Protein backbone atom coordinates (compact mmCIF):
# COMPACT_ATOMS: atom_id res chain seq x y z
CA MET A 1 153.61 108.24 299.06
CA TRP A 2 154.95 111.27 300.91
CA LYS A 3 158.52 110.27 300.11
CA LYS A 4 158.18 111.31 296.45
CA PHE A 5 157.35 114.90 297.48
CA PHE A 6 160.44 115.29 299.65
CA THR A 7 163.08 113.54 297.55
CA ARG A 8 165.35 115.66 295.41
CA HIS A 9 165.56 114.93 291.72
CA PRO A 10 168.96 114.50 290.10
CA VAL A 11 170.46 117.65 288.63
CA GLN A 12 169.56 118.02 284.96
CA THR A 13 172.10 119.42 282.55
CA VAL A 14 171.87 120.53 278.94
CA MET A 15 175.17 120.75 277.06
CA GLY A 16 176.99 120.97 280.38
CA HIS A 17 174.82 123.76 281.81
CA ARG A 18 172.81 123.11 284.96
CA ILE A 19 169.06 123.71 284.62
CA PRO A 20 167.60 125.53 287.65
CA GLU A 21 164.99 123.68 289.68
CA PRO A 22 161.36 124.76 289.35
CA ARG A 23 160.23 127.27 291.99
CA LEU A 24 157.27 129.43 292.86
CA THR A 25 157.35 132.90 291.36
CA GLY A 26 155.70 136.05 292.59
CA MET A 27 153.08 135.83 289.86
CA ALA A 28 152.19 132.26 290.89
CA VAL A 29 151.69 133.42 294.47
CA LEU A 30 149.53 136.33 293.28
CA TRP A 31 147.28 134.07 291.19
CA ALA A 32 147.00 131.59 294.07
CA LEU A 33 145.86 134.41 296.34
CA ILE A 34 143.33 135.56 293.75
CA TYR A 35 141.89 132.12 293.03
CA LEU A 36 142.00 130.79 296.59
CA GLY A 37 141.93 133.85 298.83
CA LEU A 38 139.13 135.87 297.25
CA PRO A 39 136.54 133.06 297.21
CA LEU A 40 137.33 132.22 300.84
CA LEU A 41 137.01 135.88 301.76
CA ALA A 42 133.67 136.12 299.94
CA VAL A 43 132.29 133.01 301.66
CA GLY A 44 133.41 134.33 305.06
CA MET A 45 131.76 137.68 304.42
CA LEU A 46 128.55 135.96 303.33
CA ILE A 47 128.46 133.84 306.49
CA ASP A 48 129.14 136.91 308.68
CA GLY A 49 126.38 138.83 306.89
CA LEU A 50 123.88 136.01 307.35
CA ILE A 51 124.71 135.73 311.05
CA GLN A 52 124.28 139.49 311.43
CA LEU A 53 120.92 139.40 309.68
CA ALA A 54 119.69 136.47 311.75
CA THR A 55 120.92 137.52 315.19
CA GLY A 56 121.58 141.25 314.94
CA VAL A 57 125.11 140.73 316.29
CA CYS A 58 128.02 141.73 314.08
CA THR A 59 130.68 139.04 314.03
CA GLY A 60 132.86 140.34 311.19
CA LEU A 61 136.26 142.00 311.39
CA TRP A 62 134.79 145.26 310.05
CA CYS A 63 132.71 145.62 313.26
CA TYR A 64 135.82 146.92 315.04
CA PHE A 65 136.26 149.88 312.68
């Protein structure tokens, strides 16, 4: 199963011109950070806030500032 992810596909050409391989763009990385990073950050902040409310001890990164 893993082999299909690591094998290279044959070079595709159209009228003799080589088509570039698909790659990640800066905008794709930005949207991945927005859709994956922000929810994880929000969940982490919620957990830190609940721990602080329950125990009175700040466990978040913002405690050092």
